Each structure stands twice: as C-alpha cells, then as structure tokens.
C-alpha cells in the first residue's frame, strides 16, 4: 500500500498508483458539521489533518488566508464578462 505522498507522485508521473489520490474540497458549512460529527474540536491546521487522516484524504490544501483590504484606494474592480478585447 502506497503512502499519500507516493500515490500523488505516481499520479503526477502518469504511473499507476494503487488508488486515485483524494482531495477534500468542501464548503465551510458542511465542513463544520463534519467536524462536529467526527468530534474534532481543533480549529487549527491540526484539526484539518485529523479529518484528512480519518477520511483517507491524500492531498492537504494550504492557503494564504488573505483578508481583504489589500487593494490600493481608488481602484476600480471590473466584474465580468472576462473576454479578450
């Protein structure tokens, strides 16, 4: 049986892993319900790792957790349609 790392590397190299690498992409609302159901109280990264281990998830997401306010003042943000001009 392959480790999560080996499974992901084999998939990237287009080799046959022992299974498809799994990723957990979930909205915050069902994620909170999942945490409650599994009895995970950790709010930090450790809690996410516990859930991944319980569910057999191979890929761990990380993000910068940007909090708005990073645009200079007086900047107009164009919202769609995004097409070549």
N, C-alpha and C. Protein backbone atom coordinates (compact mmCIF):
# COMPACT_ATOMS: atom_id res chain seq x y z
N UNK A 1 0.84 -1.18 0.00
CA UNK A 1 0.00 0.00 0.00
C UNK A 1 0.88 1.25 0.00
N UNK A 2 0.55 2.18 -0.87
CA UNK A 2 1.35 3.40 -1.02
C UNK A 2 0.97 4.43 0.03
N UNK A 3 1.93 5.29 0.36
CA UNK A 3 1.62 6.43 1.22
C UNK A 3 0.92 7.49 0.36
N UNK A 4 0.33 8.47 1.00
CA UNK A 4 -0.33 9.55 0.26
C UNK A 4 0.64 10.25 -0.67
N UNK A 5 1.84 10.49 -0.17
CA UNK A 5 2.87 11.17 -0.98
C UNK A 5 3.21 10.34 -2.22
N UNK A 6 3.45 9.04 -2.03
CA UNK A 6 3.80 8.17 -3.16
C UNK A 6 2.65 8.08 -4.16
N UNK A 7 1.43 8.02 -3.67
CA UNK A 7 0.25 7.95 -4.54
C UNK A 7 0.14 9.20 -5.41
N UNK A 8 0.35 10.35 -4.82
CA UNK A 8 0.27 11.62 -5.56
C UNK A 8 1.41 11.73 -6.58
N UNK A 9 2.61 11.37 -6.17
CA UNK A 9 3.75 11.44 -7.09
C UNK A 9 3.55 10.50 -8.27
N UNK A 10 3.10 9.29 -8.02
CA UNK A 10 2.85 8.35 -9.13
C UNK A 10 1.80 8.89 -10.09
N UNK A 11 0.78 9.53 -9.55
CA UNK A 11 -0.26 10.09 -10.41
C UNK A 11 0.29 11.22 -11.27
N UNK A 12 1.11 12.08 -10.69
CA UNK A 12 1.72 13.18 -11.45
C UNK A 12 2.61 12.64 -12.56
N UNK A 13 3.31 11.56 -12.28
CA UNK A 13 4.21 10.96 -13.27
C UNK A 13 3.48 10.05 -14.25
N UNK A 14 2.14 10.02 -14.15
CA UNK A 14 1.28 9.20 -15.01
C UNK A 14 1.58 7.71 -14.87
N UNK A 15 2.02 7.31 -13.69
CA UNK A 15 2.20 5.89 -13.38
C UNK A 15 0.94 5.40 -12.68
N UNK A 16 0.78 4.11 -12.56
CA UNK A 16 -0.41 3.55 -11.94
C UNK A 16 -0.25 3.50 -10.42
N UNK A 17 -1.01 4.34 -9.69
CA UNK A 17 -1.00 4.23 -8.23
C UNK A 17 -1.96 3.13 -7.79
N UNK A 18 -2.00 2.85 -6.50
CA UNK A 18 -2.93 1.83 -6.00
C UNK A 18 -4.34 2.38 -5.84
N UNK A 19 -4.53 3.65 -6.07
CA UNK A 19 -5.85 4.28 -5.99
C UNK A 19 -5.74 5.73 -6.42
N UNK A 20 -6.86 6.37 -6.61
CA UNK A 20 -6.87 7.77 -7.01
C UNK A 20 -6.57 8.63 -5.78
N UNK A 21 -5.63 9.59 -5.89
CA UNK A 21 -5.39 10.49 -4.77
C UNK A 21 -6.65 11.31 -4.47
N UNK A 22 -7.02 11.36 -3.22
CA UNK A 22 -8.25 12.04 -2.82
C UNK A 22 -7.96 13.42 -2.25
N UNK A 23 -8.83 14.37 -2.58
CA UNK A 23 -8.75 15.74 -2.09
C UNK A 23 -10.10 16.11 -1.48
N UNK A 24 -10.09 16.80 -0.37
CA UNK A 24 -11.34 17.22 0.28
C UNK A 24 -11.57 18.70 0.01
N UNK A 25 -12.49 18.98 -0.90
CA UNK A 25 -12.89 20.36 -1.19
C UNK A 25 -14.33 20.49 -0.73
N UNK A 26 -14.53 21.28 0.31
CA UNK A 26 -15.82 21.33 0.96
C UNK A 26 -16.09 22.75 1.46
N UNK A 27 -17.34 23.14 1.38
CA UNK A 27 -17.75 24.47 1.87
C UNK A 27 -17.69 24.49 3.40
N UNK A 28 -17.57 25.68 3.98
CA UNK A 28 -17.43 25.78 5.45
C UNK A 28 -18.60 25.19 6.23
N UNK A 29 -19.83 25.33 5.73
CA UNK A 29 -20.98 24.85 6.49
C UNK A 29 -20.96 23.33 6.67
N UNK A 30 -20.85 22.54 5.58
CA UNK A 30 -20.79 21.09 5.80
C UNK A 30 -19.50 20.65 6.49
N UNK A 31 -18.42 21.43 6.32
CA UNK A 31 -17.17 21.08 6.99
C UNK A 31 -17.33 21.18 8.51
N UNK A 32 -18.02 22.23 8.97
CA UNK A 32 -18.26 22.37 10.41
C UNK A 32 -19.12 21.23 10.93
N UNK A 33 -20.12 20.82 10.16
CA UNK A 33 -20.96 19.69 10.55
C UNK A 33 -20.14 18.39 10.59
N UNK A 34 -19.24 18.22 9.63
CA UNK A 34 -18.36 17.05 9.61
C UNK A 34 -17.47 17.03 10.85
N UNK A 35 -16.89 18.18 11.20
CA UNK A 35 -16.06 18.26 12.40
C UNK A 35 -16.86 17.88 13.64
N UNK A 36 -18.07 18.40 13.73
CA UNK A 36 -18.92 18.10 14.89
C UNK A 36 -19.25 16.61 14.94
N UNK A 37 -19.59 16.03 13.79
CA UNK A 37 -19.93 14.61 13.73
C UNK A 37 -18.75 13.72 14.12
N UNK A 38 -17.54 14.11 13.69
CA UNK A 38 -16.35 13.32 13.99
C UNK A 38 -15.76 13.64 15.37
N UNK A 39 -16.30 14.65 16.03
CA UNK A 39 -15.81 15.02 17.36
C UNK A 39 -14.48 15.74 17.34
N UNK A 40 -14.19 16.44 16.26
CA UNK A 40 -12.94 17.20 16.14
C UNK A 40 -13.19 18.61 16.66
N UNK A 41 -12.44 19.01 17.69
CA UNK A 41 -12.64 20.34 18.26
C UNK A 41 -11.54 21.31 17.85
N UNK A 42 -10.47 20.82 17.26
CA UNK A 42 -9.36 21.69 16.87
C UNK A 42 -9.79 22.64 15.77
N UNK A 43 -9.51 23.92 15.95
CA UNK A 43 -9.85 24.93 14.95
C UNK A 43 -8.66 25.22 14.03
N UNK A 44 -7.53 24.66 14.34
CA UNK A 44 -6.32 24.97 13.58
C UNK A 44 -6.03 23.89 12.53
N UNK A 45 -4.84 23.95 12.00
CA UNK A 45 -4.41 23.04 10.95
C UNK A 45 -4.40 21.59 11.42
N UNK A 46 -4.13 21.38 12.70
CA UNK A 46 -4.10 20.02 13.24
C UNK A 46 -5.46 19.34 13.12
N UNK A 47 -6.52 20.09 13.32
CA UNK A 47 -7.87 19.54 13.17
C UNK A 47 -8.13 19.09 11.75
N UNK A 48 -7.66 19.88 10.78
CA UNK A 48 -7.83 19.52 9.37
C UNK A 48 -7.05 18.23 9.05
N UNK A 49 -5.86 18.10 9.61
CA UNK A 49 -5.07 16.89 9.38
C UNK A 49 -5.74 15.66 9.99
N UNK A 50 -6.37 15.83 11.15
CA UNK A 50 -7.09 14.70 11.77
C UNK A 50 -8.24 14.23 10.88
N UNK A 51 -9.00 15.19 10.35
CA UNK A 51 -10.12 14.84 9.47
C UNK A 51 -9.60 14.14 8.22
N UNK A 52 -8.52 14.66 7.64
CA UNK A 52 -7.94 14.04 6.44
C UNK A 52 -7.52 12.60 6.72
N UNK A 53 -6.92 12.38 7.89
CA UNK A 53 -6.48 11.02 8.23
C UNK A 53 -7.67 10.09 8.40
N UNK A 54 -8.72 10.56 9.08
CA UNK A 54 -9.91 9.73 9.30
C UNK A 54 -10.56 9.34 7.97
N UNK A 55 -10.65 10.30 7.04
CA UNK A 55 -11.33 10.07 5.76
C UNK A 55 -10.43 9.48 4.68
N UNK A 56 -9.13 9.34 4.95
CA UNK A 56 -8.21 8.80 3.96
C UNK A 56 -7.90 9.77 2.84
N UNK A 57 -7.87 11.06 3.15
CA UNK A 57 -7.58 12.10 2.17
C UNK A 57 -6.07 12.18 1.96
N UNK A 58 -5.65 12.25 0.68
CA UNK A 58 -4.23 12.25 0.35
C UNK A 58 -3.64 13.65 0.22
N UNK A 59 -4.42 14.61 -0.23
CA UNK A 59 -3.92 15.93 -0.57
C UNK A 59 -4.31 16.92 0.53
N UNK A 60 -3.32 17.66 1.02
CA UNK A 60 -3.56 18.66 2.06
C UNK A 60 -3.50 20.04 1.41
N UNK A 61 -4.59 20.79 1.54
CA UNK A 61 -4.64 22.14 0.99
C UNK A 61 -4.00 23.12 1.96
N UNK A 62 -3.41 24.16 1.40
CA UNK A 62 -2.93 25.26 2.22
C UNK A 62 -3.26 26.55 1.49
N UNK A 63 -3.42 27.61 2.23
CA UNK A 63 -3.77 28.88 1.60
C UNK A 63 -3.13 30.02 2.37
N UNK A 64 -3.20 31.21 1.77
CA UNK A 64 -2.65 32.39 2.41
C UNK A 64 -3.64 33.04 3.36
N UNK A 65 -4.91 32.68 3.26
CA UNK A 65 -5.97 33.27 4.08
C UNK A 65 -5.95 34.79 4.02
N UNK A 66 -5.98 35.32 2.80
CA UNK A 66 -6.00 36.77 2.62
C UNK A 66 -7.27 37.36 3.21
N UNK A 67 -7.14 38.48 3.83
CA UNK A 67 -8.27 39.15 4.47
C UNK A 67 -8.58 40.47 3.78
N UNK A 68 -8.95 40.63 2.67
CA UNK A 68 -9.36 41.90 2.06
C UNK A 68 -8.53 43.11 2.47
N UNK A 69 -8.80 44.24 1.83
CA UNK A 69 -8.08 45.46 2.15
C UNK A 69 -6.70 45.53 1.54
N UNK A 70 -6.39 44.68 0.60
CA UNK A 70 -5.06 44.66 0.02
C UNK A 70 -5.01 45.40 -1.32
N UNK A 71 -6.10 46.00 -1.77
CA UNK A 71 -6.10 46.81 -2.98
C UNK A 71 -5.83 48.26 -2.61
N UNK A 72 -5.05 48.97 -3.44
CA UNK A 72 -4.85 50.40 -3.17
C UNK A 72 -6.18 51.15 -3.25
N UNK A 73 -6.29 52.29 -2.59
CA UNK A 73 -7.52 53.05 -2.66
C UNK A 73 -7.77 53.57 -4.08
N UNK A 74 -9.02 53.84 -4.41
CA UNK A 74 -9.42 54.38 -5.70
C UNK A 74 -9.17 53.44 -6.87
N UNK A 75 -9.18 52.15 -6.64
CA UNK A 75 -9.01 51.16 -7.71
C UNK A 75 -10.38 50.65 -8.11
N UNK A 76 -10.66 50.67 -9.41
CA UNK A 76 -11.93 50.13 -9.90
C UNK A 76 -11.73 48.66 -10.24
N UNK A 77 -12.58 47.82 -9.70
CA UNK A 77 -12.51 46.39 -9.98
C UNK A 77 -13.58 46.07 -11.00
N UNK A 78 -13.16 45.55 -12.14
CA UNK A 78 -14.10 45.20 -13.21
C UNK A 78 -14.64 43.80 -12.95
N UNK A 79 -15.93 43.66 -12.99
CA UNK A 79 -16.57 42.36 -12.82
C UNK A 79 -17.14 41.91 -14.15
N UNK A 80 -16.63 40.80 -14.70
CA UNK A 80 -17.08 40.15 -15.91
C UNK A 80 -17.77 41.04 -16.92
N UNK A 81 -18.02 40.65 -18.11
CA UNK A 81 -17.52 39.39 -18.67
C UNK A 81 -16.02 39.48 -18.95
N UNK A 82 -15.34 38.40 -18.76
CA UNK A 82 -13.90 38.36 -18.95
C UNK A 82 -13.59 37.79 -20.32
N UNK A 83 -13.42 38.67 -21.27
CA UNK A 83 -13.15 38.26 -22.66
C UNK A 83 -11.98 39.07 -23.19
N UNK A 84 -11.27 38.53 -24.18
CA UNK A 84 -10.22 39.34 -24.83
C UNK A 84 -10.85 40.54 -25.52
N UNK A 85 -10.17 41.65 -25.51
CA UNK A 85 -10.70 42.85 -26.16
C UNK A 85 -9.96 43.20 -27.42
